[in-house]
Structures are given as C-alpha cells and as structure tokens.
C-alpha cells in the first residue's frame, strides 16, 4: 500500500481545491476521469464533480441573499453586496449569479440610459472599482468585459495607461 500526502488547498485556489476535496472523498480513483465521473456522467471540471457528489453547496443561498436584498436595497448597495459575495463567498457559477441578478444590479442605470451596452459597462465599472478596493480585479471572475470605449474613457479620467 502506498501512502502519500496531500498538500493543503483553500477554496480560492479553484480547481486545485476541488481536486483535493475529491481525492479526500473518492475511494480508489485510478485516473482523473474517475474523479470527473459521478453516477456514470463525466463532468468537465473538478468543481462540478464535487458539486454533483454533494461535497460542496450550490449558489442558491447566495442568489437568495441577493433576491432578499433587492427588495429593500438600492442598486448601488446591491452592487457592493455582489462584489462582497464574489470576494468572500466564492460562488461557483459567477456568470449565472450575474445573469440572474443583472436587472436588480442595473435598475438605476436602466432608468437613466437607454443604451444596453452603456448600462452594462457602468454596472461592471462600479463592480470593478469595488473589487479593486478589495484586492481583486474584474478579470478574476467570469463576468462580461467592459467595452473598449468606456475603458479608454476610464483611463483618460484616471490618468492610467
């Protein structure tokens, strides 16, 4: 019998963390494919396999938090909450969380502007600023990108190159 040590990993390390989690809970895997497979279905990521095995929770509680907050919070507070969730709760499906709550996150800008892309860029810019204040960047998450026109305007305003 061969023994080895597993190095520690935290959820912020993404797939490495989920690989470790699977290695701790799956008996006798002989390949990565064994770890990716749950009930005969092959999943594309360790995270999805761990989720299907019930080793991690899905993002339903985070989504419910945003739903409840949207009842009594203004959109700018929701954007702050969204950024905080991204940093501290490490949701598994950031794009779905974005898609499900975009209307609430952008409500104030939608009433001011009729250009859909501009509204999205403004919301993303707000979230980007919040994330940067917490040491992360918009590109660290599966979110839409800000269009080039608003990026150049931001660089001009802030004096960045």
N, C-alpha and C. Protein backbone atom coordinates (compact mmCIF):
# COMPACT_ATOMS: atom_id res chain seq x y z
N UNK A 1 0.85 -1.19 0.00
CA UNK A 1 0.00 0.00 0.00
C UNK A 1 0.89 1.24 0.00
N UNK A 2 0.55 2.15 -0.88
CA UNK A 2 1.34 3.37 -1.00
C UNK A 2 0.65 4.50 -0.25
N UNK A 3 1.42 5.26 0.47
CA UNK A 3 0.88 6.42 1.18
C UNK A 3 1.51 7.68 0.65
N UNK A 4 0.72 8.71 0.62
CA UNK A 4 1.23 9.99 0.18
C UNK A 4 0.59 11.10 0.99
N UNK A 5 1.06 12.26 0.80
CA UNK A 5 0.50 13.41 1.49
C UNK A 5 -0.18 14.31 0.48
N UNK A 6 -1.31 14.84 0.91
CA UNK A 6 -1.99 15.83 0.09
C UNK A 6 -1.64 17.21 0.63
N UNK A 7 -1.24 18.07 -0.25
CA UNK A 7 -0.97 19.43 0.18
C UNK A 7 -2.29 20.13 0.46
N UNK A 8 -2.25 21.09 1.32
CA UNK A 8 -3.49 21.81 1.64
C UNK A 8 -3.86 22.75 0.49
N UNK A 9 -5.12 23.06 0.42
CA UNK A 9 -5.63 23.98 -0.61
C UNK A 9 -6.85 24.67 -0.03
N UNK A 10 -7.04 25.91 -0.40
CA UNK A 10 -8.24 26.61 0.07
C UNK A 10 -9.14 26.92 -1.13
N UNK A 11 -10.41 27.22 -0.88
CA UNK A 11 -11.36 27.43 -1.97
C UNK A 11 -10.94 28.48 -2.99
N UNK A 12 -10.14 29.45 -2.58
CA UNK A 12 -9.71 30.49 -3.52
C UNK A 12 -8.80 29.93 -4.61
N UNK A 13 -8.27 28.72 -4.42
CA UNK A 13 -7.39 28.12 -5.41
C UNK A 13 -8.15 27.40 -6.51
N UNK A 14 -9.47 27.43 -6.45
CA UNK A 14 -10.30 26.90 -7.52
C UNK A 14 -10.17 25.41 -7.72
N UNK A 15 -9.84 25.01 -8.95
CA UNK A 15 -9.82 23.59 -9.31
C UNK A 15 -8.86 22.78 -8.44
N UNK A 16 -7.79 23.37 -8.00
CA UNK A 16 -6.86 22.65 -7.12
C UNK A 16 -7.56 22.25 -5.82
N UNK A 17 -8.35 23.16 -5.27
CA UNK A 17 -9.11 22.87 -4.05
C UNK A 17 -10.10 21.73 -4.29
N UNK A 18 -10.83 21.79 -5.41
CA UNK A 18 -11.84 20.78 -5.69
C UNK A 18 -11.19 19.42 -5.98
N UNK A 19 -10.03 19.42 -6.60
CA UNK A 19 -9.29 18.18 -6.81
C UNK A 19 -8.94 17.56 -5.46
N UNK A 20 -8.44 18.38 -4.56
CA UNK A 20 -8.08 17.87 -3.23
C UNK A 20 -9.31 17.33 -2.52
N UNK A 21 -10.40 18.04 -2.60
CA UNK A 21 -11.65 17.62 -1.97
C UNK A 21 -12.09 16.25 -2.52
N UNK A 22 -12.02 16.08 -3.82
CA UNK A 22 -12.39 14.80 -4.42
C UNK A 22 -11.43 13.69 -3.99
N UNK A 23 -10.14 14.00 -3.96
CA UNK A 23 -9.16 12.99 -3.55
C UNK A 23 -9.39 12.52 -2.11
N UNK A 24 -9.91 13.40 -1.29
CA UNK A 24 -10.19 13.05 0.10
C UNK A 24 -11.47 12.23 0.26
N UNK A 25 -12.36 12.29 -0.72
CA UNK A 25 -13.67 11.65 -0.56
C UNK A 25 -13.99 10.54 -1.55
N UNK A 26 -13.21 10.40 -2.59
CA UNK A 26 -13.47 9.36 -3.59
C UNK A 26 -12.53 8.20 -3.30
N UNK A 27 -13.11 7.03 -3.11
CA UNK A 27 -12.30 5.85 -2.79
C UNK A 27 -11.67 5.24 -4.05
N UNK A 28 -10.38 5.04 -3.99
CA UNK A 28 -9.65 4.31 -5.01
C UNK A 28 -9.69 4.80 -6.44
N UNK A 29 -9.62 6.12 -6.68
CA UNK A 29 -9.60 6.55 -8.08
C UNK A 29 -8.30 6.10 -8.74
N UNK A 30 -8.39 5.69 -10.00
CA UNK A 30 -7.18 5.27 -10.71
C UNK A 30 -6.80 6.26 -11.80
N UNK A 31 -7.67 7.25 -12.02
CA UNK A 31 -7.38 8.25 -13.04
C UNK A 31 -8.16 9.52 -12.73
N UNK A 32 -7.79 10.58 -13.43
CA UNK A 32 -8.55 11.82 -13.27
C UNK A 32 -9.98 11.62 -13.73
N UNK A 33 -10.16 10.78 -14.74
CA UNK A 33 -11.51 10.51 -15.26
C UNK A 33 -12.40 9.94 -14.15
N UNK A 34 -11.83 9.12 -13.27
CA UNK A 34 -12.60 8.59 -12.13
C UNK A 34 -13.09 9.73 -11.24
N UNK A 35 -12.28 10.76 -11.10
CA UNK A 35 -12.66 11.90 -10.25
C UNK A 35 -13.70 12.78 -10.94
N UNK A 36 -13.62 12.88 -12.25
CA UNK A 36 -14.57 13.69 -13.02
C UNK A 36 -15.92 12.99 -13.18
N UNK A 37 -15.98 11.68 -12.93
CA UNK A 37 -17.18 10.89 -13.19
C UNK A 37 -18.03 10.71 -11.93
N UNK A 38 -19.32 11.02 -12.06
CA UNK A 38 -20.26 10.84 -10.96
C UNK A 38 -21.50 10.17 -11.54
N UNK A 39 -21.88 9.03 -10.97
CA UNK A 39 -23.06 8.29 -11.43
C UNK A 39 -23.03 8.05 -12.95
N UNK A 40 -21.85 7.73 -13.45
CA UNK A 40 -21.72 7.41 -14.87
C UNK A 40 -21.63 8.61 -15.80
N UNK A 41 -21.75 9.82 -15.25
CA UNK A 41 -21.65 11.03 -16.08
C UNK A 41 -20.28 11.68 -15.87
N UNK A 42 -19.66 12.04 -16.98
CA UNK A 42 -18.35 12.70 -16.93
C UNK A 42 -18.56 14.21 -16.90
N UNK A 43 -18.05 14.87 -15.86
CA UNK A 43 -18.20 16.32 -15.71
C UNK A 43 -16.92 17.02 -16.17
N UNK A 44 -17.05 18.26 -16.67
CA UNK A 44 -15.89 18.93 -17.27
C UNK A 44 -14.89 19.51 -16.25
N UNK A 45 -15.31 19.70 -15.00
CA UNK A 45 -14.42 20.30 -14.01
C UNK A 45 -14.50 19.53 -12.70
N UNK A 46 -13.46 19.65 -11.89
CA UNK A 46 -13.48 19.03 -10.56
C UNK A 46 -14.58 19.66 -9.70
N UNK A 47 -14.81 20.96 -9.88
CA UNK A 47 -15.83 21.63 -9.10
C UNK A 47 -17.22 21.04 -9.37
N UNK A 48 -17.53 20.84 -10.64
CA UNK A 48 -18.84 20.29 -10.99
C UNK A 48 -18.99 18.86 -10.47
N UNK A 49 -17.92 18.10 -10.52
CA UNK A 49 -17.96 16.73 -9.99
C UNK A 49 -18.16 16.76 -8.47
N UNK A 50 -17.47 17.66 -7.78
CA UNK A 50 -17.63 17.78 -6.33
C UNK A 50 -19.04 18.24 -5.97
N UNK A 51 -19.59 19.15 -6.76
CA UNK A 51 -20.96 19.62 -6.55
C UNK A 51 -21.94 18.46 -6.72
N UNK A 52 -21.77 17.67 -7.77
CA UNK A 52 -22.66 16.53 -8.03
C UNK A 52 -22.55 15.46 -6.96
N UNK A 53 -21.40 15.35 -6.35
CA UNK A 53 -21.20 14.37 -5.26
C UNK A 53 -21.74 14.90 -3.93
N UNK A 54 -22.17 16.16 -3.91
CA UNK A 54 -22.68 16.73 -2.68
C UNK A 54 -21.60 17.18 -1.71
N UNK A 55 -20.39 17.36 -2.22
CA UNK A 55 -19.27 17.77 -1.36
C UNK A 55 -19.23 19.27 -1.13
N UNK A 56 -19.88 20.01 -1.99
CA UNK A 56 -19.98 21.46 -1.83
C UNK A 56 -21.42 21.88 -2.09
N UNK A 57 -21.74 23.06 -1.62
CA UNK A 57 -23.09 23.58 -1.82
C UNK A 57 -23.15 24.34 -3.13
N UNK A 58 -24.35 24.47 -3.68
CA UNK A 58 -24.51 25.30 -4.86
C UNK A 58 -24.72 26.74 -4.43
N UNK A 59 -24.95 27.60 -5.38
CA UNK A 59 -25.03 29.04 -5.10
C UNK A 59 -26.43 29.52 -4.76
N UNK A 60 -27.36 28.60 -4.50
CA UNK A 60 -28.74 29.01 -4.24
C UNK A 60 -28.87 29.97 -3.07
N UNK A 61 -28.10 29.73 -2.00
CA UNK A 61 -28.19 30.62 -0.84
C UNK A 61 -27.66 32.02 -1.16
N UNK A 62 -26.65 32.11 -2.01
CA UNK A 62 -26.12 33.42 -2.41
C UNK A 62 -27.13 34.16 -3.28
N UNK A 63 -27.76 33.42 -4.17
CA UNK A 63 -28.78 34.01 -5.04
C UNK A 63 -29.95 34.51 -4.21
N UNK A 64 -30.37 33.71 -3.24
CA UNK A 64 -31.48 34.10 -2.36
C UNK A 64 -31.12 35.35 -1.56
N UNK A 65 -29.88 35.46 -1.14
CA UNK A 65 -29.41 36.65 -0.43
C UNK A 65 -29.59 37.89 -1.29
N UNK A 66 -29.21 37.80 -2.56
CA UNK A 66 -29.36 38.93 -3.47
C UNK A 66 -30.83 39.25 -3.74
N UNK A 67 -31.67 38.22 -3.85
CA UNK A 67 -33.10 38.43 -4.06
C UNK A 67 -33.69 39.20 -2.88
N UNK A 68 -33.37 38.75 -1.67
CA UNK A 68 -33.91 39.40 -0.48
C UNK A 68 -33.39 40.83 -0.34
N UNK A 69 -32.12 41.04 -0.64
CA UNK A 69 -31.55 42.38 -0.53
C UNK A 69 -32.15 43.32 -1.56
N UNK A 70 -32.50 42.79 -2.72
CA UNK A 70 -33.05 43.65 -3.78
C UNK A 70 -34.41 44.23 -3.41
N UNK A 71 -35.08 43.64 -2.44
CA UNK A 71 -36.38 44.13 -2.01
C UNK A 71 -36.25 45.49 -1.31
N UNK A 72 -35.17 45.67 -0.54
CA UNK A 72 -35.06 46.90 0.25
C UNK A 72 -33.77 47.68 0.04
N UNK A 73 -32.89 47.22 -0.84
CA UNK A 73 -31.64 47.93 -1.08
C UNK A 73 -31.65 48.62 -2.44
N UNK A 74 -30.95 49.75 -2.52
CA UNK A 74 -30.77 50.42 -3.79
C UNK A 74 -29.74 49.66 -4.62
N UNK A 75 -29.78 49.82 -5.94
CA UNK A 75 -28.85 49.08 -6.80
C UNK A 75 -27.37 49.26 -6.46
N UNK A 76 -26.97 50.46 -6.03
CA UNK A 76 -25.55 50.64 -5.71
C UNK A 76 -25.15 49.78 -4.50
N UNK A 77 -26.07 49.61 -3.55
CA UNK A 77 -25.79 48.73 -2.41
C UNK A 77 -25.77 47.27 -2.85
N UNK A 78 -26.61 46.93 -3.81
CA UNK A 78 -26.61 45.56 -4.34
C UNK A 78 -25.30 45.25 -5.06
N UNK A 79 -24.79 46.24 -5.78
CA UNK A 79 -23.51 46.04 -6.47
C UNK A 79 -22.39 45.81 -5.45
N UNK A 80 -22.44 46.53 -4.34
CA UNK A 80 -21.44 46.33 -3.28
C UNK A 80 -21.59 44.92 -2.69
N UNK A 81 -22.82 44.50 -2.45
CA UNK A 81 -23.08 43.16 -1.93
C UNK A 81 -22.60 42.10 -2.93
N UNK A 82 -22.87 42.31 -4.20
CA UNK A 82 -22.45 41.38 -5.25
C UNK A 82 -20.92 41.23 -5.22
N UNK A 83 -20.21 42.35 -5.17
CA UNK A 83 -18.74 42.31 -5.13
C UNK A 83 -18.26 41.60 -3.87
N UNK A 84 -18.90 41.86 -2.75
CA UNK A 84 -18.53 41.21 -1.49
C UNK A 84 -18.75 39.70 -1.58
N UNK A 85 -19.85 39.30 -2.18
CA UNK A 85 -20.12 37.87 -2.38
C UNK A 85 -19.04 37.24 -3.24
N UNK A 86 -18.62 37.93 -4.31
CA UNK A 86 -17.58 37.40 -5.18
C UNK A 86 -16.28 37.17 -4.40
N UNK A 87 -15.94 38.10 -3.54
CA UNK A 87 -14.68 38.02 -2.81
C UNK A 87 -14.73 36.99 -1.68
N UNK A 88 -15.75 37.07 -0.86
CA UNK A 88 -15.76 36.29 0.38
C UNK A 88 -16.54 34.99 0.33
N UNK A 89 -17.45 34.83 -0.62
CA UNK A 89 -18.27 33.62 -0.67
C UNK A 89 -17.86 32.68 -1.79
N UNK A 90 -17.06 33.17 -2.70
CA UNK A 90 -16.51 32.39 -3.80
C UNK A 90 -17.56 31.52 -4.49
N UNK A 91 -18.56 32.17 -5.11
CA UNK A 91 -19.60 31.39 -5.80
C UNK A 91 -19.01 30.57 -6.93
N UNK A 92 -19.63 29.44 -7.18
CA UNK A 92 -19.13 28.54 -8.21
C UNK A 92 -19.50 28.98 -9.61
N UNK A 93 -20.66 29.57 -9.76
CA UNK A 93 -21.12 29.97 -11.10
C UNK A 93 -21.40 31.47 -11.08
N UNK A 94 -20.34 32.24 -11.18
CA UNK A 94 -20.44 33.71 -11.12
C UNK A 94 -21.30 34.25 -12.25
N UNK A 95 -21.15 33.69 -13.45
CA UNK A 95 -21.90 34.21 -14.60
C UNK A 95 -23.40 34.00 -14.39
N UNK A 96 -23.79 32.90 -13.84
CA UNK A 96 -25.22 32.66 -13.58
C UNK A 96 -25.74 33.63 -12.54
N UNK A 97 -24.96 33.87 -11.48
CA UNK A 97 -25.35 34.83 -10.46
C UNK A 97 -25.52 36.22 -11.09
N UNK A 98 -24.61 36.59 -11.97
CA UNK A 98 -24.67 37.85 -12.70
C UNK A 98 -25.94 37.92 -13.54
N UNK A 99 -26.15 36.88 -14.34
CA UNK A 99 -27.31 36.85 -15.24
C UNK A 99 -28.63 36.90 -14.47
N UNK A 100 -28.70 36.16 -13.37
CA UNK A 100 -29.94 36.10 -12.58
C UNK A 100 -30.26 37.42 -11.88
N UNK A 101 -29.24 38.22 -11.57
CA UNK A 101 -29.48 39.43 -10.78
C UNK A 101 -29.10 40.73 -11.49
N UNK A 102 -28.79 40.63 -12.76
CA UNK A 102 -28.39 41.81 -13.51
C UNK A 102 -29.45 42.91 -13.48
N UNK A 103 -30.71 42.56 -13.64
CA UNK A 103 -31.77 43.58 -13.64
C UNK A 103 -31.78 44.39 -12.35
N UNK A 104 -31.62 43.74 -11.22
CA UNK A 104 -31.60 44.44 -9.93
C UNK A 104 -30.33 45.27 -9.78
N UNK A 105 -29.21 44.73 -10.26
CA UNK A 105 -27.93 45.44 -10.15
C UNK A 105 -27.89 46.70 -11.01
N UNK A 106 -28.67 46.71 -12.09
CA UNK A 106 -28.59 47.80 -13.06
C UNK A 106 -29.82 48.69 -13.10
N UNK A 107 -30.74 48.49 -12.19
CA UNK A 107 -32.03 49.20 -12.22
C UNK A 107 -31.89 50.72 -12.30
N UNK A 108 -30.98 51.29 -11.53
CA UNK A 108 -30.81 52.74 -11.53
C UNK A 108 -30.27 53.25 -12.86
N UNK A 109 -29.30 52.54 -13.43
CA UNK A 109 -28.74 52.96 -14.72
C UNK A 109 -29.73 52.75 -15.86
N UNK A 110 -30.55 51.71 -15.76
CA UNK A 110 -31.54 51.45 -16.81
C UNK A 110 -32.56 52.59 -16.90
N UNK A 111 -32.86 53.20 -15.78
CA UNK A 111 -33.82 54.31 -15.82
C UNK A 111 -33.20 55.59 -16.37
N UNK A 112 -31.86 55.70 -16.34
CA UNK A 112 -31.17 56.89 -16.83
C UNK A 112 -30.73 56.77 -18.28
N UNK A 113 -30.34 55.58 -18.70
CA UNK A 113 -29.76 55.39 -20.03
C UNK A 113 -30.57 54.34 -20.78
N UNK A 114 -30.65 54.52 -22.08
CA UNK A 114 -31.39 53.56 -22.90
C UNK A 114 -30.46 52.67 -23.71
N UNK A 115 -29.17 52.91 -23.62
CA UNK A 115 -28.18 52.10 -24.32
C UNK A 115 -27.81 50.90 -23.42
N UNK A 116 -28.18 49.71 -23.86
CA UNK A 116 -27.99 48.50 -23.07
C UNK A 116 -26.51 48.26 -22.74
N UNK A 117 -25.63 48.47 -23.73
CA UNK A 117 -24.21 48.24 -23.50
C UNK A 117 -23.63 49.25 -22.50
N UNK A 118 -24.08 50.49 -22.59
CA UNK A 118 -23.61 51.51 -21.65
C UNK A 118 -24.02 51.17 -20.23
N UNK A 119 -25.25 50.72 -20.06
CA UNK A 119 -25.74 50.33 -18.73
C UNK A 119 -24.88 49.20 -18.17
N UNK A 120 -24.64 48.18 -18.98
CA UNK A 120 -23.81 47.06 -18.52
C UNK A 120 -22.40 47.52 -18.16
N UNK A 121 -21.83 48.38 -18.99
CA UNK A 121 -20.49 48.90 -18.71
C UNK A 121 -20.43 49.67 -17.41
N UNK A 122 -21.46 50.47 -17.13
CA UNK A 122 -21.49 51.24 -15.89
C UNK A 122 -21.59 50.33 -14.67
N UNK A 123 -22.43 49.33 -14.77
CA UNK A 123 -22.57 48.37 -13.66
C UNK A 123 -21.25 47.64 -13.44
N UNK A 124 -20.64 47.17 -14.52
CA UNK A 124 -19.36 46.47 -14.41
C UNK A 124 -18.26 47.37 -13.87
N UNK A 125 -18.27 48.63 -14.27
CA UNK A 125 -17.27 49.58 -13.77
C UNK A 125 -17.42 49.76 -12.27
N UNK A 126 -18.65 49.92 -11.79
CA UNK A 126 -18.87 50.03 -10.35
C UNK A 126 -18.35 48.80 -9.61
N UNK A 127 -18.67 47.63 -10.15
CA UNK A 127 -18.23 46.39 -9.52
C UNK A 127 -16.71 46.27 -9.58
N UNK A 128 -16.11 46.69 -10.70
CA UNK A 128 -14.66 46.66 -10.85
C UNK A 128 -13.98 47.50 -9.77
N UNK A 129 -14.50 48.70 -9.55
CA UNK A 129 -13.92 49.59 -8.52
C UNK A 129 -14.02 48.95 -7.14
N UNK A 130 -15.17 48.36 -6.85
CA UNK A 130 -15.36 47.69 -5.56
C UNK A 130 -14.40 46.51 -5.40
N UNK A 131 -14.28 45.71 -6.45
CA UNK A 131 -13.37 44.56 -6.39
C UNK A 131 -11.92 45.00 -6.20
N UNK A 132 -11.54 46.06 -6.92
CA UNK A 132 -10.17 46.56 -6.79
C UNK A 132 -9.89 47.06 -5.37
N UNK A 133 -10.90 47.65 -4.74
CA UNK A 133 -10.71 48.12 -3.36
C UNK A 133 -10.53 46.94 -2.40
N UNK A 134 -10.92 45.73 -2.84
CA UNK A 134 -10.77 44.53 -2.01
C UNK A 134 -9.63 43.64 -2.52
N UNK A 135 -8.80 44.19 -3.41
CA UNK A 135 -7.62 43.47 -3.87
C UNK A 135 -7.83 42.49 -5.01
N UNK A 136 -8.94 42.56 -5.68
CA UNK A 136 -9.21 41.67 -6.82
C UNK A 136 -9.50 42.51 -8.05
N UNK A 137 -9.69 41.84 -9.18
CA UNK A 137 -9.97 42.52 -10.43
C UNK A 137 -11.16 41.87 -11.11
N UNK A 138 -11.81 42.60 -11.95
CA UNK A 138 -12.96 42.10 -12.69
C UNK A 138 -12.59 40.85 -13.50
N UNK A 139 -11.37 40.81 -14.01
CA UNK A 139 -10.92 39.69 -14.85
C UNK A 139 -10.70 38.41 -14.05
N UNK A 140 -10.74 38.51 -12.71
CA UNK A 140 -10.58 37.32 -11.86
C UNK A 140 -11.85 36.48 -11.83
N UNK A 141 -12.93 37.02 -12.39
CA UNK A 141 -14.23 36.37 -12.31
C UNK A 141 -14.83 36.21 -13.70
N UNK A 142 -15.73 35.27 -13.82
CA UNK A 142 -16.41 35.02 -15.09
C UNK A 142 -17.55 36.02 -15.27
N UNK A 143 -17.17 37.23 -15.62
CA UNK A 143 -18.12 38.32 -15.85
C UNK A 143 -17.89 38.88 -17.24
N UNK A 144 -18.90 39.55 -17.80
CA UNK A 144 -18.69 40.19 -19.11
C UNK A 144 -17.55 41.21 -19.02
N UNK A 145 -16.97 41.53 -20.15
CA UNK A 145 -15.90 42.53 -20.17
C UNK A 145 -16.50 43.91 -20.46
N UNK A 146 -15.82 44.90 -19.99
CA UNK A 146 -16.22 46.28 -20.25
C UNK A 146 -15.77 46.62 -21.66
N UNK A 147 -16.61 47.32 -22.42
CA UNK A 147 -16.25 47.64 -23.79
C UNK A 147 -15.06 48.60 -23.84
N UNK A 148 -14.40 48.60 -24.96
CA UNK A 148 -13.18 49.40 -25.13
C UNK A 148 -13.45 50.89 -24.97
N UNK A 149 -14.62 51.36 -25.40
CA UNK A 149 -14.88 52.80 -25.35
C UNK A 149 -14.92 53.30 -23.91
N UNK A 150 -15.55 52.57 -23.02
CA UNK A 150 -15.61 53.04 -21.64
C UNK A 150 -14.26 52.82 -20.94
N UNK A 151 -13.52 51.78 -21.34
CA UNK A 151 -12.20 51.54 -20.78
C UNK A 151 -11.27 52.71 -21.10
N UNK A 152 -11.30 53.19 -22.34
CA UNK A 152 -10.44 54.31 -22.70
C UNK A 152 -10.88 55.57 -21.98
N UNK A 153 -12.19 55.75 -21.78
CA UNK A 153 -12.67 56.91 -21.01
C UNK A 153 -12.18 56.84 -19.58
N UNK A 154 -12.21 55.64 -18.98
CA UNK A 154 -11.72 55.48 -17.61
C UNK A 154 -10.24 55.79 -17.51
N UNK A 155 -9.46 55.32 -18.49
CA UNK A 155 -8.03 55.60 -18.47
C UNK A 155 -7.76 57.09 -18.58
N UNK A 156 -8.54 57.77 -19.42
CA UNK A 156 -8.38 59.20 -19.59
C UNK A 156 -8.73 59.93 -18.29
N UNK A 157 -9.81 59.55 -17.66
CA UNK A 157 -10.27 60.21 -16.42
C UNK A 157 -9.27 59.96 -15.29
N UNK A 158 -8.82 58.70 -15.15
CA UNK A 158 -7.95 58.35 -14.03
C UNK A 158 -6.47 58.61 -14.31
N UNK A 159 -6.12 58.84 -15.59
CA UNK A 159 -4.75 59.08 -15.95
C UNK A 159 -3.92 57.81 -16.06
N UNK A 160 -4.60 56.65 -16.15
CA UNK A 160 -3.88 55.37 -16.29
C UNK A 160 -3.50 55.13 -17.73
N UNK A 161 -2.48 54.32 -17.94
CA UNK A 161 -2.05 53.96 -19.30
C UNK A 161 -2.51 52.59 -19.65
